[in-house]
Every structure is written in C-alpha cells, then in structure tokens.
C-alpha cells in the first residue's frame, strides 16, 4: 500500500506498472481497478487555463494513509496506490491516480470507486483556478463532478 503527494507531473501508467512490478504480488491478483483524474480546461461554464492545488503536507499525508487503511479494512485488497498532485497544474495534467489490486474484480472496483469519492468530497486540498476573468478559489465539489 502506498500514498504519495507529488509536486511534479507524473505518468500514471508508468506509476501503476512500476508499483505492480515492485509489489511482489505477481500471481496473487486477478483484478486491478484504476481511476485517473485529469485537469479540465473548463469549470462552471468558464475556460480555465491553470490551477494551483494547495495543502498542508502532514495533514494531507495522514488523510491519504487513513483512507488507504479504511479501504483495506472494508475490502479484501492486496494492494493500493494513491498519488495526488499539488502545486501548479495545467489542463490535461493528471491530478490523481488511484489503483487497487485484489484477487477478484468486485473488491478492486468498489474500493477504487469509494476512494475517489472520499478524496473528491473530503480531502484537505484547496483549489485556485486561473480564468480569463482572473483567479478564484473553488469550493469543495459535492455534486460528483
């Protein structure tokens, strides 16, 4: 199980492959569920040219570890990986990666879905968008988008 906060762009598929290769679970998992969230170039019917994602490092890392432990307790996961970007982010950049490995698909899919919903609604991140009309702080999203 691994959680990471990254200030730099990352290739989610390389991260998944490397983590899986180093996991030692070669013949144990039958399912890998993934979610990759990327930055859109629009929000609330306005063009967005960039954003800054801020956080308190210790608080954020503790939160991600707690989520990971909760998922492991709720589902029969063999492993998981959570990577979340912070700092300056551009449209099309990956922001979040969640990968869950299990013996069977249902546990991996359910855990992955639960993890992204929890992150989206409760994670201690603060987002400031850059738009044509200036910068604005974005409230936490509770509508599932």
Protein backbone atom coordinates (compact mmCIF):
# COMPACT_ATOMS: atom_id res chain seq x y z
CA UNK A 1 0.00 0.00 0.00
CA UNK A 2 1.38 3.37 -0.92
CA UNK A 3 0.31 7.02 -0.88
CA UNK A 4 2.22 9.86 -2.47
CA UNK A 5 1.83 13.58 -2.84
CA UNK A 6 3.60 14.92 -5.92
CA UNK A 7 4.57 18.47 -6.80
CA UNK A 8 5.54 17.32 -10.29
CA UNK A 9 3.72 15.93 -13.29
CA UNK A 10 3.64 12.13 -13.45
CA UNK A 11 2.74 9.43 -15.93
CA UNK A 12 0.01 7.40 -14.22
CA UNK A 13 0.50 4.30 -16.38
CA UNK A 14 4.23 4.20 -15.57
CA UNK A 15 3.44 4.59 -11.86
CA UNK A 16 0.93 1.72 -11.99
CA UNK A 17 3.31 -0.57 -13.88
CA UNK A 18 6.25 0.20 -11.58
CA UNK A 19 4.19 -0.24 -8.41
CA UNK A 20 2.73 -3.51 -9.66
CA UNK A 21 6.17 -4.77 -10.69
CA UNK A 22 7.63 -3.96 -7.26
CA UNK A 23 4.67 -5.26 -5.25
CA UNK A 24 5.69 -8.92 -5.19
CA UNK A 25 2.07 -9.90 -5.94
CA UNK A 26 2.72 -11.25 -9.44
CA UNK A 27 0.45 -14.30 -9.25
CA UNK A 28 -1.93 -13.22 -6.49
CA UNK A 29 -4.11 -10.53 -8.02
CA UNK A 30 -6.84 -11.14 -10.54
CA UNK A 31 -8.07 -7.57 -10.80
CA UNK A 32 -6.62 -4.07 -11.00
CA UNK A 33 -9.07 -1.16 -10.87
CA UNK A 34 -7.80 2.32 -11.66
CA UNK A 35 -9.01 5.88 -11.68
CA UNK A 36 -7.03 8.72 -13.21
CA UNK A 37 -8.37 12.24 -12.77
CA UNK A 38 -7.06 14.97 -15.07
CA UNK A 39 -7.50 18.71 -15.09
CA UNK A 40 -10.19 20.01 -17.44
CA UNK A 41 -9.84 23.30 -19.30
CA UNK A 42 -13.30 24.43 -18.14
CA UNK A 43 -15.35 24.66 -14.95
CA UNK A 44 -18.69 26.30 -14.20
CA UNK A 45 -19.12 27.27 -17.88
CA UNK A 46 -15.80 29.17 -17.97
CA UNK A 47 -12.43 28.41 -19.58
CA UNK A 48 -9.71 27.51 -17.09
CA UNK A 49 -6.07 27.93 -18.11
CA UNK A 50 -4.48 26.53 -14.97
CA UNK A 51 -4.86 25.95 -11.28
CA UNK A 52 -2.93 25.76 -8.06
CA UNK A 53 -3.73 23.00 -5.61
CA UNK A 54 -2.65 23.81 -2.06
CA UNK A 55 -2.47 21.59 1.01
CA UNK A 56 -0.87 21.10 4.42
CA UNK A 57 1.60 18.25 3.80
CA UNK A 58 1.31 16.42 7.14
CA UNK A 59 -2.47 16.73 7.23
CA UNK A 60 -2.82 15.54 3.65
CA UNK A 61 -0.46 12.60 4.02
CA UNK A 62 -2.22 11.50 7.22
CA UNK A 63 -5.61 11.74 5.48
CA UNK A 64 -4.45 9.67 2.49
CA UNK A 65 -2.99 6.98 4.78
CA UNK A 66 -6.26 6.84 6.76
CA UNK A 67 -8.27 6.42 3.55
CA UNK A 68 -5.99 3.65 2.42
CA UNK A 69 -6.34 1.83 5.76
CA UNK A 70 -10.14 2.21 5.72
CA UNK A 71 -10.30 0.75 2.21
CA UNK A 72 -8.14 -2.18 3.26
CA UNK A 73 -10.46 -2.85 6.21
CA UNK A 74 -13.64 -2.65 4.08
CA UNK A 75 -12.46 -4.68 1.07
CA UNK A 76 -10.17 -7.61 0.54
CA UNK A 77 -7.41 -5.63 -1.18
CA UNK A 78 -3.97 -7.00 -1.86
CA UNK A 79 -2.50 -3.56 -2.54
CA UNK A 80 -3.37 0.02 -3.42
CA UNK A 81 -1.69 3.14 -4.74
CA UNK A 82 -2.85 6.74 -4.32
CA UNK A 83 -0.94 9.62 -5.91
CA UNK A 84 -2.26 13.18 -5.72
CA UNK A 85 -0.76 16.26 -7.35
CA UNK A 86 -0.30 19.61 -5.64
CA UNK A 87 1.13 22.90 -6.86
CA UNK A 88 0.70 24.35 -10.33
CA UNK A 89 -1.35 22.15 -12.65
CA UNK A 90 -2.22 22.63 -16.33
CA UNK A 91 -5.15 21.32 -18.36
CA UNK A 92 -4.76 17.63 -19.29
CA UNK A 93 -2.28 17.03 -16.44
CA UNK A 94 -3.10 14.04 -14.24
CA UNK A 95 -4.16 15.23 -10.78
CA UNK A 96 -5.00 11.99 -9.03
CA UNK A 97 -4.26 8.31 -9.53
CA UNK A 98 -5.94 5.52 -7.60
CA UNK A 99 -5.15 1.88 -8.24
CA UNK A 100 -6.50 -1.10 -6.29
CA UNK A 101 -5.38 -4.70 -6.63
CA UNK A 102 -7.41 -7.68 -5.40
CA UNK A 103 -7.98 -11.32 -6.16
CA UNK A 104 -11.43 -10.52 -7.60
CA UNK A 105 -12.82 -7.55 -9.52
CA UNK A 106 -15.64 -6.50 -7.16
CA UNK A 107 -13.31 -5.60 -4.27
CA UNK A 108 -10.94 -3.67 -6.55
CA UNK A 109 -13.74 -1.78 -8.32
CA UNK A 110 -15.68 -0.94 -5.16
CA UNK A 111 -12.60 0.20 -3.25
CA UNK A 112 -11.38 2.34 -6.15
CA UNK A 113 -14.79 3.99 -6.50
CA UNK A 114 -15.06 4.64 -2.75
CA UNK A 115 -11.53 6.09 -2.58
CA UNK A 116 -12.11 8.65 -5.34
CA UNK A 117 -15.45 9.72 -3.87
CA UNK A 118 -13.88 10.20 -0.43
CA UNK A 119 -10.96 12.13 -1.92
CA UNK A 120 -13.20 14.33 -4.04
CA UNK A 121 -15.52 15.29 -1.20
CA UNK A 122 -13.33 15.30 1.91
CA UNK A 123 -9.63 15.64 1.11
CA UNK A 124 -7.83 18.65 2.60
CA UNK A 125 -6.92 20.35 -0.69
CA UNK A 126 -7.65 23.94 -1.71
CA UNK A 127 -8.02 24.75 -5.41
CA UNK A 128 -7.47 28.14 -7.06
CA UNK A 129 -8.34 28.38 -10.76
CA UNK A 130 -6.89 30.79 -13.28
CA UNK A 131 -9.55 32.00 -15.71
CA UNK A 132 -9.82 34.79 -18.26
CA UNK A 133 -11.63 36.92 -15.68
CA UNK A 134 -8.96 36.32 -13.00
CA UNK A 135 -8.26 33.84 -10.25
CA UNK A 136 -10.84 32.29 -7.95
CA UNK A 137 -10.89 29.80 -5.12
CA UNK A 138 -13.15 26.82 -5.79
CA UNK A 139 -15.35 25.37 -3.08
CA UNK A 140 -15.29 21.63 -2.43
CA UNK A 141 -17.34 19.80 -5.02
CA UNK A 142 -20.25 17.81 -3.60
CA UNK A 143 -22.15 17.01 -6.80
CA UNK A 144 -19.92 14.19 -8.04
CA UNK A 145 -18.30 16.03 -10.96
